[in-house]
N, C-alpha and C. Protein backbone atom coordinates (compact mmCIF):
# COMPACT_ATOMS: atom_id res chain seq x y z
N MET A 1 -36.63 -4.44 -9.42
CA MET A 1 -36.43 -5.55 -9.78
C MET A 1 -35.02 -5.69 -8.91
N PHE A 2 -34.34 -5.27 -8.92
CA PHE A 2 -32.96 -5.30 -8.54
C PHE A 2 -32.69 -4.90 -6.85
N ASP A 3 -33.90 -4.68 -6.21
CA ASP A 3 -33.93 -3.93 -5.53
C ASP A 3 -34.30 -5.31 -4.80
N LYS A 4 -35.10 -6.60 -5.54
CA LYS A 4 -35.54 -7.45 -4.84
C LYS A 4 -34.48 -8.33 -4.70
N LEU A 5 -33.48 -8.47 -5.75
CA LEU A 5 -32.27 -9.23 -5.45
C LEU A 5 -31.15 -8.85 -4.60
N LEU A 6 -31.28 -7.72 -4.37
CA LEU A 6 -30.14 -7.70 -2.90
C LEU A 6 -30.91 -7.82 -2.19
N GLU A 7 -32.04 -7.71 -1.57
CA GLU A 7 -32.78 -8.27 -0.69
C GLU A 7 -32.59 -9.73 -0.42
N ALA A 8 -32.80 -10.04 -1.85
CA ALA A 8 -33.04 -11.81 -1.65
C ALA A 8 -31.40 -12.10 -1.31
N GLN A 9 -30.67 -11.99 -1.42
CA GLN A 9 -29.00 -11.83 -1.26
C GLN A 9 -28.35 -11.55 0.01
N GLN A 10 -29.22 -10.62 0.68
CA GLN A 10 -29.28 -9.97 2.48
C GLN A 10 -29.56 -11.47 3.01
N LYS A 11 -30.81 -11.60 2.58
CA LYS A 11 -31.97 -12.60 3.48
C LYS A 11 -30.93 -14.03 3.02
N ALA A 12 -30.39 -14.43 1.86
CA ALA A 12 -30.16 -15.90 1.82
C ALA A 12 -28.35 -15.39 3.03
N GLN A 13 -27.70 -14.74 3.27
CA GLN A 13 -26.71 -14.51 4.09
C GLN A 13 -26.69 -14.13 5.33
N GLU A 14 -28.29 -13.57 5.68
CA GLU A 14 -28.77 -13.91 6.87
C GLU A 14 -28.98 -15.42 7.31
N ILE A 15 -29.49 -16.16 6.62
CA ILE A 15 -30.40 -17.40 7.12
C ILE A 15 -29.06 -18.10 6.64
N LYS A 16 -28.19 -18.32 6.61
CA LYS A 16 -26.91 -19.10 6.45
C LYS A 16 -26.07 -18.63 7.46
N THR A 17 -26.15 -17.07 8.10
CA THR A 17 -25.52 -16.82 9.63
C THR A 17 -25.72 -17.47 10.55
N ARG A 18 -27.42 -17.40 10.65
CA ARG A 18 -28.13 -18.11 11.51
C ARG A 18 -27.81 -20.03 11.43
N LEU A 19 -28.08 -20.34 10.24
CA LEU A 19 -27.78 -21.85 10.29
C LEU A 19 -26.71 -22.19 11.04
N ASP A 20 -25.21 -21.23 10.77
CA ASP A 20 -24.37 -21.08 11.66
C ASP A 20 -24.57 -21.47 13.19
N HIS A 21 -25.40 -20.78 13.94
CA HIS A 21 -25.28 -21.11 15.36
C HIS A 21 -26.40 -22.09 15.46
N VAL A 22 -27.14 -23.25 14.55
CA VAL A 22 -28.34 -24.38 14.70
C VAL A 22 -27.05 -24.82 14.94
N SER A 23 -27.65 -26.35 16.20
CA SER A 23 -27.11 -27.34 16.11
C SER A 23 -27.87 -28.38 15.79
N VAL A 24 -27.60 -29.73 15.08
CA VAL A 24 -28.25 -30.79 15.32
C VAL A 24 -26.92 -32.07 14.99
N SER A 25 -28.30 -33.38 15.50
CA SER A 25 -26.87 -34.20 15.70
C SER A 25 -27.74 -35.22 14.90
N GLY A 26 -26.46 -36.18 15.01
CA GLY A 26 -27.60 -38.05 14.70
C GLY A 26 -26.36 -39.07 15.66
N GLU A 27 -27.36 -39.86 15.77
CA GLU A 27 -26.26 -40.89 17.41
C GLU A 27 -26.87 -42.03 16.87
N VAL A 28 -26.29 -43.03 17.27
CA VAL A 28 -26.64 -44.38 16.41
C VAL A 28 -26.29 -45.17 18.58
N GLU A 29 -26.49 -46.56 18.02
CA GLU A 29 -26.33 -47.24 19.26
C GLU A 29 -26.53 -46.15 21.38
N GLY A 30 -28.25 -45.59 20.55
CA GLY A 30 -28.45 -44.86 22.07
C GLY A 30 -27.15 -44.04 22.58
N GLY A 31 -27.12 -43.24 21.91
CA GLY A 31 -26.30 -41.76 21.81
C GLY A 31 -25.01 -42.14 22.16
N LYS A 32 -24.03 -43.73 22.04
CA LYS A 32 -23.13 -43.83 22.54
C LYS A 32 -21.85 -43.34 21.14
N ILE A 33 -22.40 -43.43 19.72
CA ILE A 33 -21.90 -42.44 18.46
C ILE A 33 -22.66 -40.98 18.61
N ARG A 34 -21.80 -39.94 18.85
CA ARG A 34 -23.02 -38.77 17.85
C ARG A 34 -21.89 -38.22 17.60
N VAL A 35 -22.90 -37.43 16.69
CA VAL A 35 -21.93 -36.06 15.59
C VAL A 35 -22.99 -34.95 15.63
N ILE A 36 -22.45 -34.70 15.87
CA ILE A 36 -22.54 -32.77 16.08
C ILE A 36 -22.91 -31.74 14.45
N SER A 37 -23.50 -31.28 14.06
CA SER A 37 -23.36 -30.78 13.07
C SER A 37 -24.09 -28.83 12.99
N SER A 38 -23.76 -28.30 12.00
CA SER A 38 -24.43 -27.07 12.28
C SER A 38 -25.90 -27.01 10.97
N ALA A 39 -26.24 -26.55 11.31
CA ALA A 39 -27.79 -26.69 10.04
C ALA A 39 -27.09 -26.02 8.65
N ASN A 40 -26.09 -25.96 8.76
CA ASN A 40 -25.24 -25.24 7.06
C ASN A 40 -24.06 -26.71 6.53
N ARG A 41 -24.72 -27.80 7.46
CA ARG A 41 -23.51 -29.11 7.35
C ARG A 41 -22.29 -28.93 7.76
N GLU A 42 -21.45 -28.49 8.48
CA GLU A 42 -20.81 -28.71 8.53
C GLU A 42 -20.25 -29.07 10.17
N ILE A 43 -19.58 -30.20 10.25
CA ILE A 43 -19.43 -30.83 11.57
C ILE A 43 -18.68 -29.97 12.15
N LYS A 44 -19.40 -30.12 13.64
CA LYS A 44 -18.86 -29.70 14.50
C LYS A 44 -18.60 -30.72 15.39
N GLU A 45 -18.50 -31.75 15.87
CA GLU A 45 -18.06 -32.65 17.47
C GLU A 45 -18.17 -34.00 16.58
N ILE A 46 -17.64 -34.74 16.74
CA ILE A 46 -18.04 -36.60 16.86
C ILE A 46 -17.60 -36.85 18.65
N HIS A 47 -18.19 -37.63 18.56
CA HIS A 47 -18.47 -38.14 19.90
C HIS A 47 -18.53 -39.83 20.17
N ILE A 48 -17.55 -40.23 20.44
CA ILE A 48 -17.27 -42.30 20.78
C ILE A 48 -17.47 -42.40 22.11
N ASP A 49 -18.67 -42.94 22.73
CA ASP A 49 -18.00 -43.46 23.92
C ASP A 49 -17.48 -44.26 24.15
N PRO A 50 -16.32 -43.68 25.56
CA PRO A 50 -14.62 -44.76 25.14
C PRO A 50 -15.61 -46.47 25.50
N ASP A 51 -16.05 -46.44 26.94
CA ASP A 51 -16.58 -48.00 26.65
C ASP A 51 -16.70 -49.02 25.77
N PHE A 52 -17.99 -47.88 24.61
CA PHE A 52 -17.91 -48.54 23.38
C PHE A 52 -17.56 -48.36 22.05
N PHE A 53 -16.25 -47.59 22.67
CA PHE A 53 -15.29 -47.58 21.23
C PHE A 53 -14.39 -49.47 21.32
N LYS A 54 -14.33 -49.12 22.86
CA LYS A 54 -13.11 -50.50 22.78
C LYS A 54 -13.35 -52.14 22.53
N ASP A 55 -15.32 -52.11 22.06
CA ASP A 55 -15.76 -53.40 21.75
C ASP A 55 -16.13 -53.00 20.16
N LEU A 56 -15.73 -52.10 20.06
CA LEU A 56 -15.43 -51.88 17.81
C LEU A 56 -14.67 -52.43 16.99
N ASP A 57 -14.93 -53.43 15.95
CA ASP A 57 -13.19 -53.22 14.94
C ASP A 57 -13.41 -52.04 14.57
N LYS A 58 -12.30 -51.52 13.47
CA LYS A 58 -12.60 -50.76 12.24
C LYS A 58 -13.71 -50.65 11.84
N GLU A 59 -14.24 -51.25 11.03
CA GLU A 59 -15.27 -51.78 10.17
C GLU A 59 -16.61 -51.43 11.06
N ASP A 60 -17.06 -51.54 11.48
CA ASP A 60 -18.03 -51.84 12.56
C ASP A 60 -18.46 -50.51 12.95
N LEU A 61 -17.06 -49.31 13.42
CA LEU A 61 -17.44 -47.95 13.83
C LEU A 61 -17.11 -47.19 12.67
N GLU A 62 -16.31 -47.60 11.39
CA GLU A 62 -16.86 -46.68 10.45
C GLU A 62 -18.19 -46.66 9.66
N GLU A 63 -18.75 -47.80 9.70
CA GLU A 63 -20.29 -47.97 9.78
C GLU A 63 -21.11 -46.89 10.04
N LEU A 64 -20.67 -47.44 11.63
CA LEU A 64 -21.77 -47.04 12.57
C LEU A 64 -21.47 -44.53 12.56
N LEU A 65 -20.55 -44.79 12.03
CA LEU A 65 -20.39 -43.42 11.91
C LEU A 65 -20.63 -42.91 10.53
N ILE A 66 -20.76 -43.53 9.87
CA ILE A 66 -21.45 -42.91 8.23
C ILE A 66 -22.64 -42.52 8.52
N VAL A 67 -23.71 -43.73 9.04
CA VAL A 67 -24.98 -43.73 9.92
C VAL A 67 -25.13 -41.83 10.81
N ALA A 68 -24.61 -41.97 12.03
CA ALA A 68 -24.42 -41.10 12.79
C ALA A 68 -24.66 -39.67 12.10
N LEU A 69 -23.52 -39.57 10.53
CA LEU A 69 -23.09 -38.66 9.85
C LEU A 69 -24.06 -37.96 8.87
N ASN A 70 -24.55 -38.86 8.61
CA ASN A 70 -25.92 -38.85 7.37
C ASN A 70 -27.04 -38.48 8.22
N LYS A 71 -27.49 -38.84 9.65
CA LYS A 71 -28.39 -38.29 9.89
C LYS A 71 -28.31 -37.39 10.54
N ALA A 72 -26.99 -36.90 10.70
CA ALA A 72 -27.05 -35.15 11.28
C ALA A 72 -26.81 -34.14 9.91
N LEU A 73 -26.39 -34.71 9.02
CA LEU A 73 -26.06 -34.08 7.73
C LEU A 73 -27.74 -34.42 7.15
N THR A 74 -28.92 -35.35 7.23
CA THR A 74 -30.40 -35.21 7.14
C THR A 74 -30.49 -33.68 7.88
N GLN A 75 -30.60 -33.58 8.77
CA GLN A 75 -31.53 -32.96 9.62
C GLN A 75 -31.22 -32.09 8.94
N ALA A 76 -29.56 -31.31 9.50
CA ALA A 76 -28.92 -29.80 9.02
C ALA A 76 -30.03 -29.48 7.78
N GLU A 77 -29.95 -30.56 6.21
CA GLU A 77 -30.72 -30.75 5.05
C GLU A 77 -31.85 -30.22 5.28
N GLN A 78 -32.68 -30.16 6.04
CA GLN A 78 -34.18 -30.43 6.32
C GLN A 78 -34.77 -28.85 7.13
N ILE A 79 -33.44 -29.16 7.62
CA ILE A 79 -33.70 -27.02 8.42
C ILE A 79 -33.17 -25.86 7.14
N SER A 80 -31.83 -26.19 7.17
CA SER A 80 -31.61 -25.81 5.60
C SER A 80 -33.14 -24.93 4.85
N ASN A 81 -33.46 -26.13 4.08
CA ASN A 81 -34.89 -25.84 3.10
C ASN A 81 -35.29 -25.41 3.80
N THR A 82 -35.88 -26.25 5.29
CA THR A 82 -37.18 -24.94 5.83
C THR A 82 -36.91 -23.46 5.31
N GLU A 83 -35.88 -22.89 5.77
CA GLU A 83 -35.45 -22.12 5.79
C GLU A 83 -35.95 -21.08 4.77
N MET A 84 -34.47 -21.46 3.87
CA MET A 84 -34.65 -21.04 2.07
C MET A 84 -35.80 -21.06 1.80
N GLN A 85 -37.20 -22.31 2.13
CA GLN A 85 -38.21 -21.69 1.19
C GLN A 85 -38.75 -20.98 1.86
N ALA A 86 -38.65 -20.63 3.10
CA ALA A 86 -39.95 -19.63 4.43
C ALA A 86 -39.47 -18.60 3.32
N ALA A 87 -38.05 -18.15 3.30
CA ALA A 87 -37.78 -17.27 2.79
C ALA A 87 -37.97 -16.35 1.02
N SER A 88 -37.65 -17.71 0.12
CA SER A 88 -38.23 -17.18 -1.24
C SER A 88 -39.54 -16.71 -1.02
N GLN A 89 -40.33 -17.60 -0.09
CA GLN A 89 -42.14 -17.35 -0.33
C GLN A 89 -41.93 -16.05 0.45
N SER A 90 -41.44 -16.14 1.31
CA SER A 90 -41.83 -14.10 1.62
C SER A 90 -41.10 -12.98 0.51
N LEU A 91 -40.33 -13.59 -0.55
CA LEU A 91 -39.26 -12.54 -1.34
C LEU A 91 -40.47 -12.91 -1.75
N LEU A 92 -40.78 -13.48 -3.00
CA LEU A 92 -41.72 -14.06 -4.15
C LEU A 92 -42.97 -13.81 -4.38
N GLY A 93 -43.11 -13.31 -2.78
CA GLY A 93 -44.92 -13.20 -2.61
C GLY A 93 -45.18 -11.81 -3.29
N GLY A 94 -43.79 -10.77 -3.18
CA GLY A 94 -44.40 -9.46 -3.63
C GLY A 94 -44.43 -9.67 -5.05
N LEU A 95 -43.75 -10.77 -5.96
CA LEU A 95 -43.80 -10.70 -7.27
C LEU A 95 -44.94 -11.38 -8.19
N GLY A 96 -46.32 -11.30 -6.83
CA GLY A 96 -47.66 -11.45 -7.94
C GLY A 96 -47.80 -12.91 -8.29
N GLY A 97 -48.16 -13.84 -9.50
CA GLY A 97 -48.62 -14.89 -9.42
C GLY A 97 -46.87 -15.41 -10.03
N LEU A 98 -45.78 -14.60 -10.18
CA LEU A 98 -44.62 -15.35 -10.24
C LEU A 98 -44.24 -16.01 -8.73
N GLY A 99 -44.28 -15.98 -7.53
CA GLY A 99 -43.55 -16.36 -6.35
C GLY A 99 -44.69 -17.87 -6.40
N ASN A 100 -45.20 -18.20 -7.24
CA ASN A 100 -45.33 -19.79 -7.22
C ASN A 100 -44.70 -20.70 -8.18
N LEU A 101 -44.13 -19.85 -9.04
CA LEU A 101 -43.19 -20.77 -9.93
C LEU A 101 -42.30 -21.89 -9.54
N PHE A 102 -41.83 -21.32 -7.62
CA PHE A 102 -40.86 -21.90 -7.20
C PHE A 102 -41.38 -23.14 -6.21
N GLY A 103 -42.24 -22.85 -5.53
CA GLY A 103 -42.55 -24.01 -4.89
C GLY A 103 -44.17 -24.24 -4.57
N LYS A 104 -44.81 -24.29 -5.44
CA LYS A 104 -46.46 -24.93 -5.78
C LYS A 104 -46.57 -25.28 -6.57
């Protein structure tokens, strides 16, 4: 059982490292505002089209940024959940009927 715990920790670290290199984005206004995040939910970049920026007031910009950020973070969470779920199923598959406790 201890071996399974070590294997799970190693697998989780491998997934985290892999997700650091997966990029997702959230866009609004046809890409005029774009947020890039890692799949580990770390914001990497924010792009705002300079021409689009000129026509915005502070409140509009803040609202659009929130929407773009939330889109990117939602995508990151979905990818992360999928990766973790696949890893847990492969690890728990060797535990007989206990593997079904956490996903089905």
